[in-house]
């Protein structure tokens, strides 16, 4: 995949198979059965200094997460110029930035 499309692609993945939580701290996660895919995402994000963690939930399910400043950096990149996104997930992020004073 061309790098210029990576964040648009990843936003679609998060809208479909991921989650955004802003309860106690900002978290972005993707749950998937394909460890190789999650490692690709992790390596791609590391190029932007976005740190993530992958852990196995069971034999067939893995979770990639970005937390705190890394989640904020990821979501900032995802929504920066996104023409289409799932509004209910964006609202969680936007409300978190307002509540914590991170909003622009």
N, C-alpha and C. Protein backbone atom coordinates (compact mmCIF):
# COMPACT_ATOMS: atom_id res chain seq x y z
N UNK A 1 0.84 -1.17 0.00
CA UNK A 1 0.00 0.00 0.00
C UNK A 1 0.89 1.24 0.00
N UNK A 2 0.50 2.24 -0.77
CA UNK A 2 1.24 3.49 -0.77
C UNK A 2 1.08 4.16 0.58
N UNK A 3 2.19 4.67 1.09
CA UNK A 3 2.19 5.27 2.42
C UNK A 3 1.19 6.41 2.55
N UNK A 4 0.95 7.14 1.46
CA UNK A 4 0.04 8.29 1.54
C UNK A 4 -1.40 7.87 1.85
N UNK A 5 -1.72 6.58 1.65
CA UNK A 5 -3.07 6.09 1.94
C UNK A 5 -3.16 5.36 3.28
N UNK A 6 -2.05 5.20 3.95
CA UNK A 6 -2.03 4.37 5.16
C UNK A 6 -3.02 4.84 6.22
N UNK A 7 -3.03 6.13 6.55
CA UNK A 7 -3.89 6.59 7.64
C UNK A 7 -5.37 6.55 7.26
N UNK A 8 -5.70 6.77 6.00
CA UNK A 8 -7.10 6.61 5.58
C UNK A 8 -7.52 5.15 5.69
N UNK A 9 -6.64 4.25 5.28
CA UNK A 9 -6.91 2.82 5.41
C UNK A 9 -7.08 2.44 6.87
N UNK A 10 -6.16 2.91 7.71
CA UNK A 10 -6.20 2.55 9.13
C UNK A 10 -7.45 3.10 9.80
N UNK A 11 -7.89 4.28 9.43
CA UNK A 11 -9.12 4.82 9.99
C UNK A 11 -10.30 3.92 9.65
N UNK A 12 -10.33 3.39 8.44
CA UNK A 12 -11.39 2.45 8.06
C UNK A 12 -11.33 1.18 8.90
N UNK A 13 -10.12 0.70 9.18
CA UNK A 13 -9.95 -0.49 10.02
C UNK A 13 -10.47 -0.21 11.43
N UNK A 14 -10.11 0.94 11.98
CA UNK A 14 -10.56 1.28 13.34
C UNK A 14 -12.06 1.50 13.36
N UNK A 15 -12.61 2.15 12.36
CA UNK A 15 -14.06 2.32 12.30
C UNK A 15 -14.78 0.97 12.24
N UNK A 16 -14.16 -0.01 11.58
CA UNK A 16 -14.81 -1.32 11.43
C UNK A 16 -14.49 -2.31 12.54
N UNK A 17 -13.21 -2.47 12.87
CA UNK A 17 -12.79 -3.52 13.82
C UNK A 17 -12.10 -2.95 15.05
N UNK A 18 -12.18 -1.68 15.26
CA UNK A 18 -11.46 -1.07 16.36
C UNK A 18 -12.37 -0.34 17.32
N UNK A 19 -11.73 0.34 18.25
CA UNK A 19 -12.48 1.11 19.24
C UNK A 19 -11.64 2.30 19.69
N UNK A 20 -12.35 3.30 20.19
CA UNK A 20 -11.74 4.47 20.81
C UNK A 20 -12.43 4.63 22.16
N UNK A 21 -11.63 4.76 23.19
CA UNK A 21 -12.17 4.94 24.53
C UNK A 21 -11.52 6.15 25.16
N UNK A 22 -12.32 6.96 25.82
CA UNK A 22 -11.79 8.13 26.50
C UNK A 22 -12.24 8.20 27.94
N UNK A 23 -12.49 7.04 28.54
CA UNK A 23 -12.98 7.01 29.92
C UNK A 23 -11.97 7.63 30.88
N UNK A 24 -10.97 6.90 31.29
CA UNK A 24 -9.95 7.41 32.21
C UNK A 24 -8.77 8.00 31.47
N UNK A 25 -8.43 7.42 30.34
CA UNK A 25 -7.35 7.90 29.48
C UNK A 25 -7.69 7.47 28.07
N UNK A 26 -7.11 8.15 27.11
CA UNK A 26 -7.42 7.89 25.71
C UNK A 26 -6.77 6.59 25.26
N UNK A 27 -7.57 5.74 24.64
CA UNK A 27 -7.09 4.45 24.13
C UNK A 27 -7.68 4.22 22.75
N UNK A 28 -6.85 3.72 21.85
CA UNK A 28 -7.29 3.28 20.52
C UNK A 28 -6.88 1.83 20.41
N UNK A 29 -7.78 0.98 19.93
CA UNK A 29 -7.45 -0.42 19.79
C UNK A 29 -8.05 -1.04 18.55
N UNK A 30 -7.39 -2.10 18.11
CA UNK A 30 -7.88 -2.92 17.00
C UNK A 30 -7.81 -4.37 17.46
N UNK A 31 -8.91 -5.08 17.28
CA UNK A 31 -8.94 -6.51 17.59
C UNK A 31 -8.99 -7.26 16.27
N UNK A 32 -8.10 -8.25 16.13
CA UNK A 32 -8.01 -8.96 14.86
C UNK A 32 -7.42 -10.34 15.09
N UNK A 33 -7.73 -11.26 14.23
CA UNK A 33 -7.17 -12.62 14.34
C UNK A 33 -5.84 -12.75 13.60
N UNK A 34 -5.47 -11.73 12.82
CA UNK A 34 -4.26 -11.80 11.99
C UNK A 34 -3.11 -11.05 12.66
N UNK A 35 -2.27 -11.79 13.36
CA UNK A 35 -1.13 -11.18 14.05
C UNK A 35 -0.18 -10.49 13.08
N UNK A 36 0.01 -11.07 11.92
CA UNK A 36 0.90 -10.48 10.92
C UNK A 36 0.40 -9.09 10.50
N UNK A 37 -0.90 -8.95 10.33
CA UNK A 37 -1.49 -7.66 9.98
C UNK A 37 -1.26 -6.64 11.09
N UNK A 38 -1.50 -7.03 12.33
CA UNK A 38 -1.31 -6.10 13.45
C UNK A 38 0.15 -5.69 13.59
N UNK A 39 1.07 -6.60 13.32
CA UNK A 39 2.49 -6.25 13.36
C UNK A 39 2.83 -5.26 12.25
N UNK A 40 2.21 -5.41 11.08
CA UNK A 40 2.40 -4.45 9.99
C UNK A 40 1.92 -3.06 10.43
N UNK A 41 0.76 -3.00 11.05
CA UNK A 41 0.25 -1.72 11.54
C UNK A 41 1.20 -1.14 12.59
N UNK A 42 1.64 -1.97 13.51
CA UNK A 42 2.56 -1.52 14.56
C UNK A 42 3.86 -0.96 13.97
N UNK A 43 4.44 -1.67 13.02
CA UNK A 43 5.68 -1.21 12.38
C UNK A 43 5.45 0.09 11.61
N UNK A 44 4.33 0.19 10.94
CA UNK A 44 4.02 1.42 10.19
C UNK A 44 3.86 2.61 11.12
N UNK A 45 3.19 2.41 12.25
CA UNK A 45 3.00 3.50 13.20
C UNK A 45 4.31 3.90 13.88
N UNK A 46 5.19 2.95 14.07
CA UNK A 46 6.47 3.27 14.72
C UNK A 46 7.29 4.25 13.89
N UNK A 47 7.07 4.28 12.58
CA UNK A 47 7.76 5.25 11.71
C UNK A 47 7.36 6.68 12.05
N UNK A 48 6.20 6.84 12.70
CA UNK A 48 5.70 8.15 13.11
C UNK A 48 5.86 8.36 14.62
N UNK A 49 6.69 7.53 15.23
CA UNK A 49 6.93 7.58 16.68
C UNK A 49 5.66 7.37 17.49
N UNK A 50 4.75 6.57 16.97
CA UNK A 50 3.54 6.20 17.70
C UNK A 50 3.75 4.78 18.22
N UNK A 51 3.81 4.67 19.53
CA UNK A 51 4.08 3.38 20.16
C UNK A 51 2.77 2.64 20.42
N UNK A 52 2.79 1.35 20.11
CA UNK A 52 1.63 0.50 20.34
C UNK A 52 2.07 -0.78 21.02
N UNK A 53 1.11 -1.52 21.50
CA UNK A 53 1.38 -2.80 22.16
C UNK A 53 0.42 -3.83 21.56
N UNK A 54 0.93 -5.03 21.33
CA UNK A 54 0.10 -6.13 20.85
C UNK A 54 0.11 -7.22 21.91
N UNK A 55 -1.07 -7.72 22.25
CA UNK A 55 -1.10 -8.88 23.14
C UNK A 55 -2.16 -9.87 22.66
N UNK A 56 -1.91 -11.11 22.95
CA UNK A 56 -2.83 -12.18 22.58
C UNK A 56 -3.92 -12.28 23.64
N UNK A 57 -5.16 -12.27 23.20
CA UNK A 57 -6.27 -12.44 24.13
C UNK A 57 -6.62 -13.92 24.28
N UNK A 58 -6.43 -14.64 23.22
CA UNK A 58 -6.57 -16.10 23.24
C UNK A 58 -5.83 -16.64 22.03
N UNK A 59 -6.05 -17.88 21.71
CA UNK A 59 -5.30 -18.52 20.62
C UNK A 59 -5.56 -17.87 19.26
N UNK A 60 -6.72 -17.25 19.09
CA UNK A 60 -7.11 -16.74 17.77
C UNK A 60 -7.37 -15.24 17.73
N UNK A 61 -7.16 -14.54 18.83
CA UNK A 61 -7.53 -13.12 18.86
C UNK A 61 -6.40 -12.29 19.48
N UNK A 62 -6.04 -11.22 18.77
CA UNK A 62 -4.98 -10.32 19.20
C UNK A 62 -5.52 -8.90 19.28
N UNK A 63 -4.92 -8.10 20.15
CA UNK A 63 -5.34 -6.72 20.33
C UNK A 63 -4.12 -5.81 20.24
N UNK A 64 -4.21 -4.81 19.35
CA UNK A 64 -3.19 -3.77 19.25
C UNK A 64 -3.78 -2.54 19.92
N UNK A 65 -3.01 -1.90 20.82
CA UNK A 65 -3.50 -0.70 21.49
C UNK A 65 -2.45 0.40 21.48
N UNK A 66 -2.96 1.62 21.40
CA UNK A 66 -2.17 2.83 21.61
C UNK A 66 -2.86 3.58 22.75
N UNK A 67 -2.08 4.07 23.70
CA UNK A 67 -2.65 4.66 24.91
C UNK A 67 -2.06 6.05 25.15
N UNK A 68 -2.87 6.93 25.74
CA UNK A 68 -2.40 8.25 26.16
C UNK A 68 -1.92 9.11 25.01
N UNK A 69 -0.71 9.64 25.13
CA UNK A 69 -0.15 10.52 24.10
C UNK A 69 -0.03 9.82 22.75
N UNK A 70 0.25 8.52 22.77
CA UNK A 70 0.35 7.77 21.51
C UNK A 70 -1.01 7.66 20.84
N UNK A 71 -2.06 7.45 21.63
CA UNK A 71 -3.41 7.41 21.07
C UNK A 71 -3.80 8.77 20.51
N UNK A 72 -3.46 9.83 21.23
CA UNK A 72 -3.77 11.18 20.75
C UNK A 72 -3.03 11.47 19.44
N UNK A 73 -1.75 11.10 19.38
CA UNK A 73 -0.97 11.32 18.15
C UNK A 73 -1.57 10.55 16.98
N UNK A 74 -1.97 9.31 17.25
CA UNK A 74 -2.58 8.49 16.20
C UNK A 74 -3.89 9.10 15.71
N UNK A 75 -4.76 9.45 16.64
CA UNK A 75 -6.07 9.99 16.24
C UNK A 75 -5.93 11.35 15.56
N UNK A 76 -4.98 12.14 15.98
CA UNK A 76 -4.74 13.42 15.30
C UNK A 76 -4.39 13.19 13.84
N UNK A 77 -3.53 12.22 13.59
CA UNK A 77 -3.15 11.90 12.20
C UNK A 77 -4.33 11.31 11.43
N UNK A 78 -5.09 10.46 12.07
CA UNK A 78 -6.22 9.81 11.39
C UNK A 78 -7.27 10.81 10.95
N UNK A 79 -7.61 11.74 11.83
CA UNK A 79 -8.71 12.66 11.54
C UNK A 79 -8.26 13.96 10.87
N UNK A 80 -6.95 14.17 10.74
CA UNK A 80 -6.41 15.42 10.20
C UNK A 80 -7.07 15.82 8.89
N UNK A 81 -7.13 14.92 7.95
CA UNK A 81 -7.73 15.25 6.64
C UNK A 81 -8.65 14.13 6.17
N UNK A 82 -9.29 13.48 7.12
CA UNK A 82 -10.17 12.36 6.76
C UNK A 82 -11.47 12.88 6.16
N UNK A 83 -11.76 12.47 4.92
CA UNK A 83 -13.00 12.92 4.29
C UNK A 83 -14.23 12.17 4.83
N UNK A 84 -14.02 10.95 5.31
CA UNK A 84 -15.13 10.12 5.78
C UNK A 84 -14.68 9.39 7.04
N UNK A 85 -15.54 9.35 8.04
CA UNK A 85 -15.24 8.62 9.27
C UNK A 85 -16.53 8.32 10.01
N UNK A 86 -16.47 7.39 10.92
CA UNK A 86 -17.61 7.02 11.74
C UNK A 86 -17.77 8.06 12.84
N UNK A 87 -18.83 8.80 12.78
CA UNK A 87 -19.04 9.95 13.67
C UNK A 87 -19.02 9.57 15.15
N UNK A 88 -19.62 8.46 15.52
CA UNK A 88 -19.71 8.12 16.95
C UNK A 88 -18.33 7.87 17.56
N UNK A 89 -17.39 7.37 16.78
CA UNK A 89 -16.03 7.18 17.30
C UNK A 89 -15.27 8.50 17.35
N UNK A 90 -15.47 9.33 16.35
CA UNK A 90 -14.83 10.65 16.34
C UNK A 90 -15.29 11.48 17.54
N UNK A 91 -16.57 11.40 17.87
CA UNK A 91 -17.11 12.18 18.99
C UNK A 91 -16.44 11.79 20.31
N UNK A 92 -16.13 10.53 20.50
CA UNK A 92 -15.43 10.09 21.71
C UNK A 92 -14.08 10.79 21.81
N UNK A 93 -13.35 10.79 20.71
CA UNK A 93 -12.04 11.45 20.68
C UNK A 93 -12.18 12.95 20.91
N UNK A 94 -13.10 13.58 20.20
CA UNK A 94 -13.26 15.03 20.30
C UNK A 94 -13.65 15.42 21.73
N UNK A 95 -14.56 14.68 22.34
CA UNK A 95 -14.99 14.98 23.70
C UNK A 95 -13.83 14.83 24.69
N UNK A 96 -13.00 13.82 24.47
CA UNK A 96 -11.83 13.63 25.33
C UNK A 96 -10.89 14.83 25.23
N UNK A 97 -10.65 15.31 24.02
CA UNK A 97 -9.75 16.46 23.85
C UNK A 97 -10.32 17.70 24.51
N UNK A 98 -11.61 17.87 24.47
CA UNK A 98 -12.26 19.02 25.12
C UNK A 98 -12.14 18.90 26.63
N UNK A 99 -12.44 17.72 27.16
CA UNK A 99 -12.42 17.50 28.61
C UNK A 99 -11.02 17.63 29.21
N UNK A 100 -10.01 17.31 28.43
CA UNK A 100 -8.64 17.34 28.95
C UNK A 100 -7.85 18.58 28.54
N UNK A 101 -8.48 19.45 27.76
CA UNK A 101 -7.78 20.65 27.33
C UNK A 101 -6.85 20.45 26.17
N UNK A 102 -6.95 19.30 25.49
CA UNK A 102 -6.09 19.03 24.34
C UNK A 102 -6.66 19.58 23.03
N UNK A 103 -7.91 20.03 23.06
CA UNK A 103 -8.56 20.51 21.84
C UNK A 103 -7.84 21.75 21.32
N UNK A 104 -7.79 21.85 20.00
CA UNK A 104 -7.14 23.00 19.36
C UNK A 104 -8.03 24.22 19.44
